[in-house]
Amino acid sequence: VGAVVMRIQSVNRGADIEVNYLKTSVVPEPASIVTAVLGAALCGFG
């Protein structure tokens, strides 16, 4: 990545917004979540 640009535009007149942060995030796939839970459970049952 060479640059990141965020553009915020109001749809209606007089709108207000408050932004706390912009960061990256882990977005795990459902299959990954299931695998993690099953793996931990199998460790316990084993």
All heavy atoms as atom14 arrays in JSON, in Angstrom:
{
  "sequence": "VGAVVMRIQSVNRGADIEVNYLKTSVVPEPASIVTAVLGAALCGFG",
  "atom14_mask": [
    [1, 1, 1, 1, 1, 1, 1, 0, 0, 0, 0, 0, 0, 0],
    [1, 1, 1, 1, 0, 0, 0, 0, 0, 0, 0, 0, 0, 0],
    [1, 1, 1, 1, 1, 0, 0, 0, 0, 0, 0, 0, 0, 0],
    [1, 1, 1, 1, 1, 1, 1, 0, 0, 0, 0, 0, 0, 0],
    [1, 1, 1, 1, 1, 1, 1, 0, 0, 0, 0, 0, 0, 0],
    [1, 1, 1, 1, 1, 1, 1, 1, 0, 0, 0, 0, 0, 0],
    [1, 1, 1, 1, 1, 1, 1, 1, 1, 1, 1, 0, 0, 0],
    [1, 1, 1, 1, 1, 1, 1, 1, 0, 0, 0, 0, 0, 0],
    [1, 1, 1, 1, 1, 1, 1, 1, 1, 0, 0, 0, 0, 0],
    [1, 1, 1, 1, 1, 1, 0, 0, 0, 0, 0, 0, 0, 0],
    [1, 1, 1, 1, 1, 1, 1, 0, 0, 0, 0, 0, 0, 0],
    [1, 1, 1, 1, 1, 1, 1, 1, 0, 0, 0, 0, 0, 0],
    [1, 1, 1, 1, 1, 1, 1, 1, 1, 1, 1, 0, 0, 0],
    [1, 1, 1, 1, 0, 0, 0, 0, 0, 0, 0, 0, 0, 0],
    [1, 1, 1, 1, 1, 0, 0, 0, 0, 0, 0, 0, 0, 0],
    [1, 1, 1, 1, 1, 1, 1, 1, 0, 0, 0, 0, 0, 0],
    [1, 1, 1, 1, 1, 1, 1, 1, 0, 0, 0, 0, 0, 0],
    [1, 1, 1, 1, 1, 1, 1, 1, 1, 0, 0, 0, 0, 0],
    [1, 1, 1, 1, 1, 1, 1, 0, 0, 0, 0, 0, 0, 0],
    [1, 1, 1, 1, 1, 1, 1, 1, 0, 0, 0, 0, 0, 0],
    [1, 1, 1, 1, 1, 1, 1, 1, 1, 1, 1, 1, 0, 0],
    [1, 1, 1, 1, 1, 1, 1, 1, 0, 0, 0, 0, 0, 0],
    [1, 1, 1, 1, 1, 1, 1, 1, 1, 0, 0, 0, 0, 0],
    [1, 1, 1, 1, 1, 1, 1, 0, 0, 0, 0, 0, 0, 0],
    [1, 1, 1, 1, 1, 1, 0, 0, 0, 0, 0, 0, 0, 0],
    [1, 1, 1, 1, 1, 1, 1, 0, 0, 0, 0, 0, 0, 0],
    [1, 1, 1, 1, 1, 1, 1, 0, 0, 0, 0, 0, 0, 0],
    [1, 1, 1, 1, 1, 1, 1, 0, 0, 0, 0, 0, 0, 0],
    [1, 1, 1, 1, 1, 1, 1, 1, 1, 0, 0, 0, 0, 0],
    [1, 1, 1, 1, 1, 1, 1, 0, 0, 0, 0, 0, 0, 0],
    [1, 1, 1, 1, 1, 0, 0, 0, 0, 0, 0, 0, 0, 0],
    [1, 1, 1, 1, 1, 1, 0, 0, 0, 0, 0, 0, 0, 0],
    [1, 1, 1, 1, 1, 1, 1, 1, 0, 0, 0, 0, 0, 0],
    [1, 1, 1, 1, 1, 1, 1, 0, 0, 0, 0, 0, 0, 0],
    [1, 1, 1, 1, 1, 1, 1, 0, 0, 0, 0, 0, 0, 0],
    [1, 1, 1, 1, 1, 0, 0, 0, 0, 0, 0, 0, 0, 0],
    [1, 1, 1, 1, 1, 1, 1, 0, 0, 0, 0, 0, 0, 0],
    [1, 1, 1, 1, 1, 1, 1, 1, 0, 0, 0, 0, 0, 0],
    [1, 1, 1, 1, 0, 0, 0, 0, 0, 0, 0, 0, 0, 0],
    [1, 1, 1, 1, 1, 0, 0, 0, 0, 0, 0, 0, 0, 0],
    [1, 1, 1, 1, 1, 0, 0, 0, 0, 0, 0, 0, 0, 0],
    [1, 1, 1, 1, 1, 1, 1, 1, 0, 0, 0, 0, 0, 0],
    [1, 1, 1, 1, 1, 1, 0, 0, 0, 0, 0, 0, 0, 0],
    [1, 1, 1, 1, 0, 0, 0, 0, 0, 0, 0, 0, 0, 0],
    [1, 1, 1, 1, 1, 1, 1, 1, 1, 1, 1, 0, 0, 0],
    [1, 1, 1, 1, 0, 0, 0, 0, 0, 0, 0, 0, 0, 0]
  ],
  "atom14_positions": [
    [[0.82, -1.21, 0.0], [0.0, 0.0, 0.0], [0.86, 1.27, 0.0], [1.8, 1.4, 0.78], [-0.95, 0.0, 1.22], [-1.74, 1.3, 1.31], [-1.89, -1.19, 1.14], [0.0, 0.0, 0.0], [0.0, 0.0, 0.0], [0.0, 0.0, 0.0], [0.0, 0.0, 0.0], [0.0, 0.0, 0.0], [0.0, 0.0, 0.0], [0.0, 0.0, 0.0]],
    [[0.5, 2.18, -0.9], [1.21, 3.46, -0.98], [0.47, 4.6, -0.33], [1.07, 5.59, 0.09], [0.0, 0.0, 0.0], [0.0, 0.0, 0.0], [0.0, 0.0, 0.0], [0.0, 0.0, 0.0], [0.0, 0.0, 0.0], [0.0, 0.0, 0.0], [0.0, 0.0, 0.0], [0.0, 0.0, 0.0], [0.0, 0.0, 0.0], [0.0, 0.0, 0.0]],
    [[-0.86, 4.5, -0.23], [-1.66, 5.56, 0.38], [-3.05, 5.02, 0.71], [-3.54, 4.09, 0.06], [-1.77, 6.77, -0.54], [0.0, 0.0, 0.0], [0.0, 0.0, 0.0], [0.0, 0.0, 0.0], [0.0, 0.0, 0.0], [0.0, 0.0, 0.0], [0.0, 0.0, 0.0], [0.0, 0.0, 0.0], [0.0, 0.0, 0.0], [0.0, 0.0, 0.0]],
    [[-3.67, 5.63, 1.72], [-5.06, 5.32, 2.1], [-5.81, 6.65, 2.17], [-5.33, 7.6, 2.79], [-5.15, 4.6, 3.45], [-6.61, 4.38, 3.85], [-4.4, 3.26, 3.41], [0.0, 0.0, 0.0], [0.0, 0.0, 0.0], [0.0, 0.0, 0.0], [0.0, 0.0, 0.0], [0.0, 0.0, 0.0], [0.0, 0.0, 0.0], [0.0, 0.0, 0.0]],
    [[-6.98, 6.7, 1.54], [-7.78, 7.92, 1.55], [-9.19, 7.58, 2.02], [-9.81, 6.62, 1.52], [-7.85, 8.56, 0.15], [-8.77, 9.79, 0.16], [-6.46, 8.95, -0.34], [0.0, 0.0, 0.0], [0.0, 0.0, 0.0], [0.0, 0.0, 0.0], [0.0, 0.0, 0.0], [0.0, 0.0, 0.0], [0.0, 0.0, 0.0], [0.0, 0.0, 0.0]],
    [[-9.68, 8.34, 3.0], [-11.05, 8.17, 3.47], [-11.84, 9.44, 3.17], [-11.45, 10.53, 3.56], [-11.11, 7.87, 4.96], [-12.54, 7.7, 5.48], [-12.67, 6.97, 7.14], [-11.89, 8.25, 8.15], [0.0, 0.0, 0.0], [0.0, 0.0, 0.0], [0.0, 0.0, 0.0], [0.0, 0.0, 0.0], [0.0, 0.0, 0.0], [0.0, 0.0, 0.0]],
    [[-12.94, 9.28, 2.47], [-13.81, 10.4, 2.12], [-15.16, 10.21, 2.82], [-15.8, 9.18, 2.69], [-14.01, 10.45, 0.61], [-14.92, 11.56, 0.1], [-14.96, 11.52, -1.42], [-15.88, 12.49, -1.97], [-17.18, 12.23, -2.21], [-17.67, 11.03, -1.93], [-17.96, 13.15, -2.72], [0.0, 0.0, 0.0], [0.0, 0.0, 0.0], [0.0, 0.0, 0.0]],
    [[-15.56, 11.22, 3.6], [-16.81, 11.17, 4.34], [-17.71, 12.28, 3.81], [-17.3, 13.45, 3.81], [-16.58, 11.37, 5.85], [-15.49, 10.43, 6.37], [-17.87, 11.16, 6.64], [-15.09, 10.67, 7.82], [0.0, 0.0, 0.0], [0.0, 0.0, 0.0], [0.0, 0.0, 0.0], [0.0, 0.0, 0.0], [0.0, 0.0, 0.0], [0.0, 0.0, 0.0]],
    [[-18.91, 11.95, 3.37], [-19.81, 12.97, 2.82], [-21.21, 12.82, 3.39], [-21.77, 11.73, 3.44], [-19.88, 12.89, 1.29], [-20.81, 13.95, 0.69], [-20.74, 13.99, -0.82], [-19.68, 13.8, -1.41], [-21.87, 14.26, -1.47], [0.0, 0.0, 0.0], [0.0, 0.0, 0.0], [0.0, 0.0, 0.0], [0.0, 0.0, 0.0], [0.0, 0.0, 0.0]],
    [[-21.76, 13.94, 3.82], [-23.13, 13.93, 4.34], [-24.11, 13.7, 3.2], [-23.9, 14.15, 2.08], [-23.44, 15.25, 5.04], [-23.28, 16.34, 4.14], [0.0, 0.0, 0.0], [0.0, 0.0, 0.0], [0.0, 0.0, 0.0], [0.0, 0.0, 0.0], [0.0, 0.0, 0.0], [0.0, 0.0, 0.0], [0.0, 0.0, 0.0], [0.0, 0.0, 0.0]],
    [[-25.18, 12.97, 3.48], [-26.24, 12.75, 2.51], [-27.29, 13.86, 2.62], [-27.78, 14.38, 1.63], [-26.88, 11.37, 2.71], [-28.08, 11.18, 1.79], [-25.84, 10.26, 2.48], [0.0, 0.0, 0.0], [0.0, 0.0, 0.0], [0.0, 0.0, 0.0], [0.0, 0.0, 0.0], [0.0, 0.0, 0.0], [0.0, 0.0, 0.0], [0.0, 0.0, 0.0]],
    [[-27.6, 14.23, 3.86], [-28.58, 15.28, 4.11], [-27.9, 16.55, 4.63], [-26.79, 16.5, 5.18], [-29.61, 14.81, 5.14], [-30.38, 13.6, 4.66], [-30.65, 13.48, 3.46], [-30.73, 12.7, 5.56], [0.0, 0.0, 0.0], [0.0, 0.0, 0.0], [0.0, 0.0, 0.0], [0.0, 0.0, 0.0], [0.0, 0.0, 0.0], [0.0, 0.0, 0.0]],
    [[-28.56, 17.65, 4.54], [-28.03, 18.92, 5.04], [-27.99, 18.92, 6.58], [-28.86, 18.36, 7.22], [-28.89, 20.08, 4.54], [-28.91, 20.22, 3.03], [-29.77, 21.39, 2.58], [-29.89, 21.4, 1.12], [-29.0, 21.94, 0.3], [-27.91, 22.51, 0.81], [-29.17, 21.9, -1.0], [0.0, 0.0, 0.0], [0.0, 0.0, 0.0], [0.0, 0.0, 0.0]],
    [[-26.96, 19.55, 7.1], [-26.86, 19.71, 8.54], [-26.51, 18.46, 9.32], [-26.67, 18.43, 10.54], [0.0, 0.0, 0.0], [0.0, 0.0, 0.0], [0.0, 0.0, 0.0], [0.0, 0.0, 0.0], [0.0, 0.0, 0.0], [0.0, 0.0, 0.0], [0.0, 0.0, 0.0], [0.0, 0.0, 0.0], [0.0, 0.0, 0.0], [0.0, 0.0, 0.0]],
    [[-26.01, 17.43, 8.65], [-25.71, 16.17, 9.34], [-24.44, 16.28, 10.18], [-23.53, 17.05, 9.87], [-25.57, 15.05, 8.32], [0.0, 0.0, 0.0], [0.0, 0.0, 0.0], [0.0, 0.0, 0.0], [0.0, 0.0, 0.0], [0.0, 0.0, 0.0], [0.0, 0.0, 0.0], [0.0, 0.0, 0.0], [0.0, 0.0, 0.0], [0.0, 0.0, 0.0]],
    [[-24.39, 15.5, 11.27], [-23.22, 15.45, 12.16], [-22.77, 14.0, 12.32], [-23.59, 13.08, 12.3], [-23.56, 16.02, 13.54], [-24.06, 17.44, 13.46], [-23.5, 18.23, 12.69], [-25.03, 17.78, 14.18], [0.0, 0.0, 0.0], [0.0, 0.0, 0.0], [0.0, 0.0, 0.0], [0.0, 0.0, 0.0], [0.0, 0.0, 0.0], [0.0, 0.0, 0.0]],
    [[-21.46, 13.83, 12.53], [-20.91, 12.49, 12.74], [-19.7, 12.59, 13.65], [-19.0, 13.6, 13.66], [-20.53, 11.83, 11.39], [-20.17, 10.35, 11.56], [-19.39, 12.58, 10.72], [-19.98, 9.61, 10.24], [0.0, 0.0, 0.0], [0.0, 0.0, 0.0], [0.0, 0.0, 0.0], [0.0, 0.0, 0.0], [0.0, 0.0, 0.0], [0.0, 0.0, 0.0]],
    [[-19.48, 11.55, 14.45], [-18.3, 11.46, 15.32], [-17.61, 10.13, 15.05], [-18.26, 9.08, 15.09], [-18.69, 11.58, 16.79], [-19.3, 12.93, 17.15], [-19.75, 13.02, 18.59], [-19.45, 12.08, 19.37], [-20.39, 14.03, 18.95], [0.0, 0.0, 0.0], [0.0, 0.0, 0.0], [0.0, 0.0, 0.0], [0.0, 0.0, 0.0], [0.0, 0.0, 0.0]],
    [[-16.31, 10.2, 14.78], [-15.53, 9.01, 14.43], [-14.47, 8.78, 15.49], [-13.7, 9.69, 15.83], [-14.87, 9.18, 13.05], [-14.12, 7.9, 12.65], [-15.91, 9.53, 11.98], [0.0, 0.0, 0.0], [0.0, 0.0, 0.0], [0.0, 0.0, 0.0], [0.0, 0.0, 0.0], [0.0, 0.0, 0.0], [0.0, 0.0, 0.0], [0.0, 0.0, 0.0]],
    [[-14.41, 7.56, 16.02], [-13.45, 7.24, 17.07], [-12.09, 6.79, 16.52], [-11.06, 7.11, 17.09], [-14.0, 6.13, 17.97], [-15.15, 6.59, 18.83], [-15.23, 7.75, 19.2], [-16.05, 5.68, 19.16], [0.0, 0.0, 0.0], [0.0, 0.0, 0.0], [0.0, 0.0, 0.0], [0.0, 0.0, 0.0], [0.0, 0.0, 0.0], [0.0, 0.0, 0.0]],
    [[-12.11, 6.0, 15.44], [-10.85, 5.45, 14.94], [-11.06, 4.84, 13.56], [-12.18, 4.56, 13.13], [-10.31, 4.37, 15.89], [-11.26, 3.21, 16.09], [-11.38, 2.19, 15.14], [-12.05, 3.12, 17.23], [-12.25, 1.13, 15.32], [-12.93, 2.07, 17.42], [-13.03, 1.07, 16.46], [-13.91, 0.03, 16.64], [0.0, 0.0, 0.0], [0.0, 0.0, 0.0]],
    [[-9.94, 4.63, 12.89], [-9.87, 3.81, 11.68], [-8.67, 2.9, 11.85], [-7.55, 3.38, 12.06], [-9.72, 4.68, 10.42], [-9.54, 3.91, 9.1], [-10.77, 3.08, 8.78], [-9.24, 4.88, 7.95], [0.0, 0.0, 0.0], [0.0, 0.0, 0.0], [0.0, 0.0, 0.0], [0.0, 0.0, 0.0], [0.0, 0.0, 0.0], [0.0, 0.0, 0.0]],
    [[-8.89, 1.6, 11.77], [-7.81, 0.64, 11.96], [-8.11, -0.6, 11.13], [-9.15, -0.7, 10.47], [-7.67, 0.28, 13.44], [-8.89, -0.4, 14.03], [-8.72, -0.67, 15.51], [-9.94, -1.38, 16.1], [-9.78, -1.63, 17.55], [0.0, 0.0, 0.0], [0.0, 0.0, 0.0], [0.0, 0.0, 0.0], [0.0, 0.0, 0.0], [0.0, 0.0, 0.0]],
    [[-7.18, -1.56, 11.16], [-7.44, -2.83, 10.49], [-8.13, -3.77, 11.47], [-8.11, -3.57, 12.68], [-6.14, -3.48, 9.97], [-5.29, -3.79, 11.09], [-5.43, -2.57, 9.0], [0.0, 0.0, 0.0], [0.0, 0.0, 0.0], [0.0, 0.0, 0.0], [0.0, 0.0, 0.0], [0.0, 0.0, 0.0], [0.0, 0.0, 0.0], [0.0, 0.0, 0.0]],
    [[-8.75, -4.8, 10.92], [-9.5, -5.73, 11.76], [-9.42, -7.13, 11.21], [-9.37, -7.33, 10.0], [-10.97, -5.29, 11.83], [-11.74, -6.22, 12.56], [0.0, 0.0, 0.0], [0.0, 0.0, 0.0], [0.0, 0.0, 0.0], [0.0, 0.0, 0.0], [0.0, 0.0, 0.0], [0.0, 0.0, 0.0], [0.0, 0.0, 0.0], [0.0, 0.0, 0.0]],
    [[-9.41, -8.09, 12.1], [-9.5, -9.49, 11.7], [-10.96, -9.79, 11.44], [-11.82, -9.54, 12.28], [-8.95, -10.42, 12.8], [-9.23, -11.87, 12.44], [-7.46, -10.2, 12.97], [0.0, 0.0, 0.0], [0.0, 0.0, 0.0], [0.0, 0.0, 0.0], [0.0, 0.0, 0.0], [0.0, 0.0, 0.0], [0.0, 0.0, 0.0], [0.0, 0.0, 0.0]],
    [[-11.27, -10.3, 10.27], [-12.63, -10.69, 9.93], [-12.61, -12.19, 9.66], [-12.46, -12.62, 8.52], [-13.14, -9.93, 8.7], [-14.62, -10.24, 8.45], [-12.96, -8.44, 8.89], [0.0, 0.0, 0.0], [0.0, 0.0, 0.0], [0.0, 0.0, 0.0], [0.0, 0.0, 0.0], [0.0, 0.0, 0.0], [0.0, 0.0, 0.0], [0.0, 0.0, 0.0]],
    [[-12.7, -13.01, 10.71], [-12.58, -14.46, 10.51], [-13.75, -15.02, 9.75], [-14.89, -14.59, 9.92], [-12.55, -15.01, 11.95], [-13.28, -13.99, 12.74], [-12.94, -12.66, 12.11], [0.0, 0.0, 0.0], [0.0, 0.0, 0.0], [0.0, 0.0, 0.0], [0.0, 0.0, 0.0], [0.0, 0.0, 0.0], [0.0, 0.0, 0.0], [0.0, 0.0, 0.0]],
    [[-13.47, -15.98, 8.88], [-14.53, -16.66, 8.15], [-15.25, -17.61, 9.11], [-14.65, -18.14, 10.04], [-13.94, -17.46, 6.99], [-13.26, -16.58, 5.95], [-12.64, -17.4, 4.84], [-12.76, -18.65, 4.92], [-12.05, -16.81, 3.93], [0.0, 0.0, 0.0], [0.0, 0.0, 0.0], [0.0, 0.0, 0.0], [0.0, 0.0, 0.0], [0.0, 0.0, 0.0]],
    [[-16.55, -17.83, 8.9], [-17.3, -18.73, 9.79], [-16.65, -20.1, 9.94], [-16.62, -20.65, 11.03], [-18.67, -18.83, 9.09], [-18.8, -17.54, 8.36], [-17.41, -17.21, 7.89], [0.0, 0.0, 0.0], [0.0, 0.0, 0.0], [0.0, 0.0, 0.0], [0.0, 0.0, 0.0], [0.0, 0.0, 0.0], [0.0, 0.0, 0.0], [0.0, 0.0, 0.0]],
    [[-16.09, -20.61, 8.85], [-15.47, -21.94, 8.92], [-14.28, -21.93, 9.86], [-14.02, -22.89, 10.57], [-15.02, -22.38, 7.53], [0.0, 0.0, 0.0], [0.0, 0.0, 0.0], [0.0, 0.0, 0.0], [0.0, 0.0, 0.0], [0.0, 0.0, 0.0], [0.0, 0.0, 0.0], [0.0, 0.0, 0.0], [0.0, 0.0, 0.0], [0.0, 0.0, 0.0]],
    [[-13.54, -20.8, 9.89], [-12.38, -20.7, 10.77], [-12.8, -20.7, 12.23], [-12.15, -21.3, 13.09], [-11.6, -19.43, 10.45], [-11.15, -19.44, 9.12], [0.0, 0.0, 0.0], [0.0, 0.0, 0.0], [0.0, 0.0, 0.0], [0.0, 0.0, 0.0], [0.0, 0.0, 0.0], [0.0, 0.0, 0.0], [0.0, 0.0, 0.0], [0.0, 0.0, 0.0]],
    [[-13.91, -20.01, 12.52], [-14.41, -19.96, 13.89], [-14.82, -21.36, 14.35], [-14.48, -21.8, 15.44], [-15.6, -19.0, 13.99], [-15.15, -17.58, 13.62], [-16.19, -19.01, 15.39], [-16.29, -16.59, 13.55], [0.0, 0.0, 0.0], [0.0, 0.0, 0.0], [0.0, 0.0, 0.0], [0.0, 0.0, 0.0], [0.0, 0.0, 0.0], [0.0, 0.0, 0.0]],
    [[-15.57, -22.07, 13.48], [-16.02, -23.41, 13.82], [-14.84, -24.33, 14.05], [-14.8, -25.11, 14.99], [-16.94, -23.97, 12.71], [-17.25, -25.43, 12.96], [-18.22, -23.15, 12.65], [0.0, 0.0, 0.0], [0.0, 0.0, 0.0], [0.0, 0.0, 0.0], [0.0, 0.0, 0.0], [0.0, 0.0, 0.0], [0.0, 0.0, 0.0], [0.0, 0.0, 0.0]],
    [[-13.84, -24.22, 13.17], [-12.65, -25.07, 13.3], [-11.93, -24.82, 14.61], [-11.5, -25.75, 15.3], [-11.68, -24.81, 12.12], [-12.36, -25.1, 10.9], [-10.45, -25.69, 12.23], [0.0, 0.0, 0.0], [0.0, 0.0, 0.0], [0.0, 0.0, 0.0], [0.0, 0.0, 0.0], [0.0, 0.0, 0.0], [0.0, 0.0, 0.0], [0.0, 0.0, 0.0]],
    [[-11.82, -23.53, 14.98], [-11.13, -23.19, 16.23], [-11.87, -23.76, 17.43], [-11.28, -24.33, 18.35], [-11.0, -21.68, 16.35], [0.0, 0.0, 0.0], [0.0, 0.0, 0.0], [0.0, 0.0, 0.0], [0.0, 0.0, 0.0], [0.0, 0.0, 0.0], [0.0, 0.0, 0.0], [0.0, 0.0, 0.0], [0.0, 0.0, 0.0], [0.0, 0.0, 0.0]],
    [[-13.19, -23.61, 17.45], [-13.99, -24.1, 18.57], [-13.93, -25.62, 18.66], [-13.71, -26.2, 19.73], [-15.46, -23.63, 18.44], [-16.31, -24.28, 19.51], [-15.53, -22.12, 18.55], [0.0, 0.0, 0.0], [0.0, 0.0, 0.0], [0.0, 0.0, 0.0], [0.0, 0.0, 0.0], [0.0, 0.0, 0.0], [0.0, 0.0, 0.0], [0.0, 0.0, 0.0]],
    [[-14.1, -26.3, 17.5], [-14.06, -27.76, 17.5], [-12.68, -28.27, 17.9], [-12.55, -29.24, 18.65], [-14.42, -28.29, 16.12], [-15.89, -28.18, 15.72], [-16.09, -28.69, 14.29], [-16.78, -28.98, 16.67], [0.0, 0.0, 0.0], [0.0, 0.0, 0.0], [0.0, 0.0, 0.0], [0.0, 0.0, 0.0], [0.0, 0.0, 0.0], [0.0, 0.0, 0.0]],
    [[-11.64, -27.57, 17.42], [-10.29, -28.0, 17.76], [-10.03, -27.93, 19.25], [-9.48, -28.86, 19.85], [0.0, 0.0, 0.0], [0.0, 0.0, 0.0], [0.0, 0.0, 0.0], [0.0, 0.0, 0.0], [0.0, 0.0, 0.0], [0.0, 0.0, 0.0], [0.0, 0.0, 0.0], [0.0, 0.0, 0.0], [0.0, 0.0, 0.0], [0.0, 0.0, 0.0]],
    [[-10.44, -26.83, 19.88], [-10.23, -26.68, 21.32], [-11.06, -27.71, 22.09], [-10.6, -28.3, 23.07], [-10.62, -25.26, 21.75], [0.0, 0.0, 0.0], [0.0, 0.0, 0.0], [0.0, 0.0, 0.0], [0.0, 0.0, 0.0], [0.0, 0.0, 0.0], [0.0, 0.0, 0.0], [0.0, 0.0, 0.0], [0.0, 0.0, 0.0], [0.0, 0.0, 0.0]],
    [[-12.3, -27.95, 21.62], [-13.16, -28.92, 22.29], [-12.58, -30.32, 22.2], [-12.58, -31.09, 23.17], [-14.56, -28.87, 21.68], [0.0, 0.0, 0.0], [0.0, 0.0, 0.0], [0.0, 0.0, 0.0], [0.0, 0.0, 0.0], [0.0, 0.0, 0.0], [0.0, 0.0, 0.0], [0.0, 0.0, 0.0], [0.0, 0.0, 0.0], [0.0, 0.0, 0.0]],
    [[-12.07, -30.67, 20.99], [-11.49, -32.0, 20.81], [-10.26, -32.21, 21.7], [-10.03, -33.3, 22.21], [-11.12, -32.21, 19.34], [-12.3, -32.43, 18.4], [-11.83, -32.44, 16.95], [-13.03, -33.73, 18.73], [0.0, 0.0, 0.0], [0.0, 0.0, 0.0], [0.0, 0.0, 0.0], [0.0, 0.0, 0.0], [0.0, 0.0, 0.0], [0.0, 0.0, 0.0]],
    [[-9.49, -31.14, 21.88], [-8.33, -31.23, 22.78], [-8.79, -31.62, 24.18], [-8.22, -32.48, 24.84], [-7.58, -29.91, 22.82], [-6.64, -29.57, 21.34], [0.0, 0.0, 0.0], [0.0, 0.0, 0.0], [0.0, 0.0, 0.0], [0.0, 0.0, 0.0], [0.0, 0.0, 0.0], [0.0, 0.0, 0.0], [0.0, 0.0, 0.0], [0.0, 0.0, 0.0]],
    [[-9.88, -30.97, 24.63], [-10.39, -31.24, 25.97], [-10.93, -32.65, 26.09], [-10.62, -33.38, 27.03], [0.0, 0.0, 0.0], [0.0, 0.0, 0.0], [0.0, 0.0, 0.0], [0.0, 0.0, 0.0], [0.0, 0.0, 0.0], [0.0, 0.0, 0.0], [0.0, 0.0, 0.0], [0.0, 0.0, 0.0], [0.0, 0.0, 0.0], [0.0, 0.0, 0.0]],
    [[-11.74, -33.08, 25.1], [-12.32, -34.41, 25.16], [-11.26, -35.5, 25.0], [-11.35, -36.57, 25.6], [-13.4, -34.57, 24.09], [-14.67, -33.85, 24.42], [-15.18, -32.88, 23.57], [-15.35, -34.12, 25.61], [-16.35, -32.22, 23.89], [-16.52, -33.45, 25.93], [-17.03, -32.48, 25.06], [0.0, 0.0, 0.0], [0.0, 0.0, 0.0], [0.0, 0.0, 0.0]],
    [[-10.25, -35.21, 24.19], [-9.17, -36.18, 24.03], [-8.42, -36.4, 25.33], [-8.08, -37.53, 25.69], [0.0, 0.0, 0.0], [0.0, 0.0, 0.0], [0.0, 0.0, 0.0], [0.0, 0.0, 0.0], [0.0, 0.0, 0.0], [0.0, 0.0, 0.0], [0.0, 0.0, 0.0], [0.0, 0.0, 0.0], [0.0, 0.0, 0.0], [0.0, 0.0, 0.0]]
  ]
}
